Amino acid sequence: MPLPPASFSFLVLSLRTQAEMQLGLMAYGEEAHPKPDLDLARHTIDMLGVLSEKTKGNLSLEEQRLIENSLTELRFRFVQVSEDVAKASAQAKA
């Protein structure tokens, strides 16, 4: 399968997919339920945030919406997964 052309949209979607995998939202390989890596997910989300800040004013409307929507959703999912991990940890201790 040929690689897609390099573009801003592909870069954003690549980082978004990485963060989703790091949050344990996407299974790959043989893992049915991958364990979240919150530190790595936070770093990837922060990198996407840096990209957003550094490109502000230089994006098309479509590109701006893509990065803003991706950041909003990933931050929301990060909070959800963090809460789930905290609950599971508390239950394991009980």
N, C-alpha and C. Protein backbone atom coordinates (compact mmCIF):
# COMPACT_ATOMS: atom_id res chain seq x y z
N MET A 1 0.85 -1.17 0.00
CA MET A 1 0.00 0.00 0.00
C MET A 1 0.90 1.24 0.00
N PRO A 2 0.69 2.16 -0.92
CA PRO A 2 1.54 3.35 -0.97
C PRO A 2 1.24 4.31 0.17
N LEU A 3 2.25 5.03 0.56
CA LEU A 3 2.08 6.02 1.63
C LEU A 3 1.30 7.22 1.09
N PRO A 4 0.45 7.80 1.93
CA PRO A 4 -0.26 9.00 1.49
C PRO A 4 0.72 10.17 1.37
N PRO A 5 0.35 11.18 0.59
CA PRO A 5 1.26 12.33 0.48
C PRO A 5 1.41 13.04 1.82
N ALA A 6 2.58 13.59 2.04
CA ALA A 6 2.83 14.36 3.26
C ALA A 6 1.97 15.62 3.24
N SER A 7 1.26 15.85 4.35
CA SER A 7 0.41 17.04 4.45
C SER A 7 0.21 17.38 5.92
N PHE A 8 -0.27 18.57 6.16
CA PHE A 8 -0.56 18.98 7.53
C PHE A 8 -1.65 18.08 8.12
N SER A 9 -2.69 17.80 7.33
CA SER A 9 -3.79 16.96 7.81
C SER A 9 -3.29 15.56 8.18
N PHE A 10 -2.40 15.01 7.36
CA PHE A 10 -1.87 13.68 7.66
C PHE A 10 -1.05 13.70 8.94
N LEU A 11 -0.29 14.77 9.16
CA LEU A 11 0.50 14.91 10.38
C LEU A 11 -0.41 14.96 11.60
N VAL A 12 -1.46 15.77 11.55
CA VAL A 12 -2.40 15.88 12.67
C VAL A 12 -3.08 14.53 12.92
N LEU A 13 -3.54 13.88 11.87
CA LEU A 13 -4.22 12.60 12.05
C LEU A 13 -3.27 11.52 12.57
N SER A 14 -2.00 11.59 12.18
CA SER A 14 -1.01 10.63 12.70
C SER A 14 -0.80 10.82 14.20
N LEU A 15 -0.64 12.07 14.63
CA LEU A 15 -0.48 12.33 16.07
C LEU A 15 -1.74 11.96 16.84
N ARG A 16 -2.89 12.23 16.27
CA ARG A 16 -4.16 11.88 16.92
C ARG A 16 -4.27 10.37 17.10
N THR A 17 -3.93 9.63 16.06
CA THR A 17 -4.00 8.17 16.14
C THR A 17 -3.02 7.64 17.18
N GLN A 18 -1.82 8.21 17.23
CA GLN A 18 -0.84 7.79 18.24
C GLN A 18 -1.40 8.01 19.65
N ALA A 19 -1.99 9.18 19.87
CA ALA A 19 -2.55 9.48 21.20
C ALA A 19 -3.69 8.52 21.53
N GLU A 20 -4.53 8.21 20.57
CA GLU A 20 -5.64 7.28 20.81
C GLU A 20 -5.10 5.89 21.17
N MET A 21 -4.04 5.46 20.51
CA MET A 21 -3.44 4.17 20.84
C MET A 21 -2.82 4.22 22.23
N GLN A 22 -2.16 5.32 22.56
CA GLN A 22 -1.52 5.47 23.87
C GLN A 22 -2.55 5.54 24.99
N LEU A 23 -3.75 6.01 24.67
CA LEU A 23 -4.83 6.05 25.67
C LEU A 23 -5.53 4.69 25.79
N GLY A 24 -5.13 3.74 24.97
CA GLY A 24 -5.75 2.42 25.01
C GLY A 24 -7.10 2.37 24.31
N LEU A 25 -7.36 3.34 23.45
CA LEU A 25 -8.65 3.41 22.76
C LEU A 25 -8.66 2.61 21.46
N MET A 26 -7.48 2.27 20.98
CA MET A 26 -7.37 1.51 19.74
C MET A 26 -6.50 0.29 20.00
N ALA A 27 -7.01 -0.86 19.63
CA ALA A 27 -6.23 -2.09 19.77
C ALA A 27 -5.41 -2.29 18.50
N TYR A 28 -4.20 -2.77 18.68
CA TYR A 28 -3.35 -3.11 17.54
C TYR A 28 -2.58 -4.36 17.90
N GLY A 29 -2.21 -5.09 16.91
CA GLY A 29 -1.51 -6.35 17.17
C GLY A 29 -2.46 -7.33 17.83
N GLU A 30 -1.97 -8.07 18.78
CA GLU A 30 -2.75 -9.11 19.43
C GLU A 30 -3.43 -8.65 20.71
N GLU A 31 -3.13 -7.46 21.16
CA GLU A 31 -3.73 -6.96 22.39
C GLU A 31 -5.19 -6.60 22.17
N ALA A 32 -6.07 -7.23 22.93
CA ALA A 32 -7.50 -6.93 22.81
C ALA A 32 -7.83 -5.63 23.52
N HIS A 33 -7.27 -5.43 24.70
CA HIS A 33 -7.51 -4.24 25.50
C HIS A 33 -6.17 -3.67 25.96
N PRO A 34 -5.55 -2.83 25.13
CA PRO A 34 -4.23 -2.31 25.50
C PRO A 34 -4.30 -1.43 26.75
N LYS A 35 -3.25 -1.50 27.54
CA LYS A 35 -3.16 -0.69 28.75
C LYS A 35 -2.78 0.74 28.39
N PRO A 36 -3.49 1.73 28.92
CA PRO A 36 -3.15 3.11 28.59
C PRO A 36 -1.79 3.52 29.16
N ASP A 37 -1.09 4.34 28.41
CA ASP A 37 0.15 4.96 28.86
C ASP A 37 -0.14 6.46 28.94
N LEU A 38 -0.62 6.90 30.11
CA LEU A 38 -1.08 8.27 30.26
C LEU A 38 0.02 9.30 30.08
N ASP A 39 1.23 9.00 30.53
CA ASP A 39 2.33 9.95 30.36
C ASP A 39 2.66 10.17 28.88
N LEU A 40 2.73 9.09 28.15
CA LEU A 40 3.03 9.19 26.72
C LEU A 40 1.87 9.85 25.97
N ALA A 41 0.64 9.52 26.33
CA ALA A 41 -0.52 10.15 25.70
C ALA A 41 -0.52 11.64 25.96
N ARG A 42 -0.26 12.05 27.20
CA ARG A 42 -0.21 13.47 27.55
C ARG A 42 0.85 14.18 26.71
N HIS A 43 2.01 13.55 26.55
CA HIS A 43 3.08 14.15 25.76
C HIS A 43 2.66 14.33 24.30
N THR A 44 2.03 13.34 23.73
CA THR A 44 1.59 13.43 22.34
C THR A 44 0.52 14.51 22.17
N ILE A 45 -0.41 14.59 23.12
CA ILE A 45 -1.44 15.64 23.07
C ILE A 45 -0.79 17.01 23.21
N ASP A 46 0.19 17.13 24.10
CA ASP A 46 0.91 18.39 24.25
C ASP A 46 1.66 18.77 22.97
N MET A 47 2.23 17.78 22.29
CA MET A 47 2.92 18.05 21.03
C MET A 47 1.94 18.58 19.99
N LEU A 48 0.76 18.03 19.95
CA LEU A 48 -0.27 18.51 19.04
C LEU A 48 -0.67 19.94 19.41
N GLY A 49 -0.70 20.24 20.69
CA GLY A 49 -0.98 21.59 21.15
C GLY A 49 0.10 22.58 20.73
N VAL A 50 1.35 22.17 20.80
CA VAL A 50 2.47 23.02 20.35
C VAL A 50 2.33 23.28 18.85
N LEU A 51 2.01 22.23 18.11
CA LEU A 51 1.82 22.38 16.67
C LEU A 51 0.70 23.38 16.37
N SER A 52 -0.35 23.31 17.13
CA SER A 52 -1.47 24.24 16.96
C SER A 52 -1.04 25.67 17.21
N GLU A 53 -0.31 25.89 18.30
CA GLU A 53 0.14 27.24 18.64
C GLU A 53 1.12 27.79 17.60
N LYS A 54 2.03 26.97 17.15
CA LYS A 54 3.07 27.42 16.23
C LYS A 54 2.55 27.65 14.81
N THR A 55 1.41 27.08 14.48
CA THR A 55 0.86 27.25 13.13
C THR A 55 -0.32 28.21 13.10
N LYS A 56 -0.66 28.78 14.25
CA LYS A 56 -1.81 29.68 14.34
C LYS A 56 -1.66 30.83 13.33
N GLY A 57 -2.72 31.06 12.57
CA GLY A 57 -2.71 32.11 11.57
C GLY A 57 -2.17 31.68 10.22
N ASN A 58 -1.67 30.47 10.13
CA ASN A 58 -1.08 29.97 8.88
C ASN A 58 -1.83 28.77 8.32
N LEU A 59 -3.01 28.48 8.85
CA LEU A 59 -3.75 27.29 8.43
C LEU A 59 -5.01 27.68 7.68
N SER A 60 -5.44 26.77 6.82
CA SER A 60 -6.74 26.95 6.19
C SER A 60 -7.80 26.70 7.26
N LEU A 61 -9.02 27.11 7.00
CA LEU A 61 -10.11 26.89 7.95
C LEU A 61 -10.28 25.40 8.24
N GLU A 62 -10.19 24.58 7.21
CA GLU A 62 -10.32 23.14 7.38
C GLU A 62 -9.21 22.58 8.28
N GLU A 63 -7.97 23.02 8.06
CA GLU A 63 -6.85 22.55 8.88
C GLU A 63 -7.01 23.02 10.32
N GLN A 64 -7.44 24.27 10.52
CA GLN A 64 -7.64 24.80 11.86
C GLN A 64 -8.71 24.01 12.61
N ARG A 65 -9.79 23.71 11.94
CA ARG A 65 -10.86 22.92 12.57
C ARG A 65 -10.38 21.52 12.91
N LEU A 66 -9.61 20.91 12.01
CA LEU A 66 -9.10 19.56 12.25
C LEU A 66 -8.25 19.51 13.51
N ILE A 67 -7.32 20.43 13.65
CA ILE A 67 -6.42 20.39 14.82
C ILE A 67 -7.17 20.77 16.09
N GLU A 68 -8.07 21.75 16.02
CA GLU A 68 -8.83 22.14 17.22
C GLU A 68 -9.76 21.01 17.67
N ASN A 69 -10.47 20.41 16.73
CA ASN A 69 -11.37 19.30 17.07
C ASN A 69 -10.60 18.10 17.62
N SER A 70 -9.45 17.83 17.02
CA SER A 70 -8.62 16.71 17.49
C SER A 70 -8.16 16.96 18.92
N LEU A 71 -7.69 18.17 19.20
CA LEU A 71 -7.24 18.49 20.55
C LEU A 71 -8.38 18.42 21.56
N THR A 72 -9.53 18.96 21.21
CA THR A 72 -10.68 18.93 22.12
C THR A 72 -11.06 17.50 22.45
N GLU A 73 -11.18 16.67 21.43
CA GLU A 73 -11.58 15.28 21.67
C GLU A 73 -10.52 14.52 22.46
N LEU A 74 -9.26 14.69 22.11
CA LEU A 74 -8.20 13.97 22.82
C LEU A 74 -8.09 14.39 24.28
N ARG A 75 -8.25 15.67 24.54
CA ARG A 75 -8.20 16.13 25.94
C ARG A 75 -9.37 15.56 26.74
N PHE A 76 -10.54 15.52 26.14
CA PHE A 76 -11.71 14.94 26.79
C PHE A 76 -11.49 13.46 27.06
N ARG A 77 -11.00 12.75 26.06
CA ARG A 77 -10.75 11.31 26.24
C ARG A 77 -9.66 11.06 27.27
N PHE A 78 -8.65 11.92 27.32
CA PHE A 78 -7.59 11.78 28.31
C PHE A 78 -8.17 11.84 29.72
N VAL A 79 -9.06 12.80 29.95
CA VAL A 79 -9.70 12.93 31.26
C VAL A 79 -10.51 11.67 31.57
N GLN A 80 -11.27 11.19 30.61
CA GLN A 80 -12.08 9.98 30.82
C GLN A 80 -11.21 8.79 31.18
N VAL A 81 -10.16 8.56 30.39
CA VAL A 81 -9.29 7.41 30.63
C VAL A 81 -8.57 7.56 31.97
N SER A 82 -8.14 8.76 32.31
CA SER A 82 -7.48 9.00 33.60
C SER A 82 -8.40 8.64 34.76
N GLU A 83 -9.66 9.04 34.64
CA GLU A 83 -10.63 8.72 35.69
C GLU A 83 -10.86 7.21 35.77
N ASP A 84 -10.94 6.55 34.63
CA ASP A 84 -11.12 5.09 34.61
C ASP A 84 -9.93 4.38 35.26
N VAL A 85 -8.74 4.86 34.96
CA VAL A 85 -7.53 4.25 35.54
C VAL A 85 -7.51 4.47 37.04
N ALA A 86 -7.89 5.65 37.49
CA ALA A 86 -7.92 5.94 38.93
C ALA A 86 -8.95 5.06 39.64
N LYS A 87 -10.12 4.88 39.04
CA LYS A 87 -11.15 4.02 39.63
C LYS A 87 -10.68 2.58 39.71
N ALA A 88 -10.06 2.09 38.65
CA ALA A 88 -9.58 0.72 38.62
C ALA A 88 -8.48 0.52 39.67
N SER A 89 -7.64 1.52 39.83
CA SER A 89 -6.57 1.45 40.83
C SER A 89 -7.16 1.42 42.24
N ALA A 90 -8.15 2.25 42.48
CA ALA A 90 -8.80 2.29 43.80
C ALA A 90 -9.51 0.97 44.10
N GLN A 91 -10.13 0.39 43.10
CA GLN A 91 -10.83 -0.89 43.30
C GLN A 91 -9.83 -2.03 43.55
N ALA A 92 -8.69 -1.96 42.90
CA ALA A 92 -7.68 -2.98 43.08
C ALA A 92 -7.09 -2.93 44.50
N LYS A 93 -7.03 -1.72 45.06
CA LYS A 93 -6.50 -1.55 46.41
C LYS A 93 -7.49 -1.97 47.47
N ALA A 94 -8.79 -1.91 47.13
CA ALA A 94 -9.83 -2.22 48.11
C ALA A 94 -9.98 -3.69 48.36
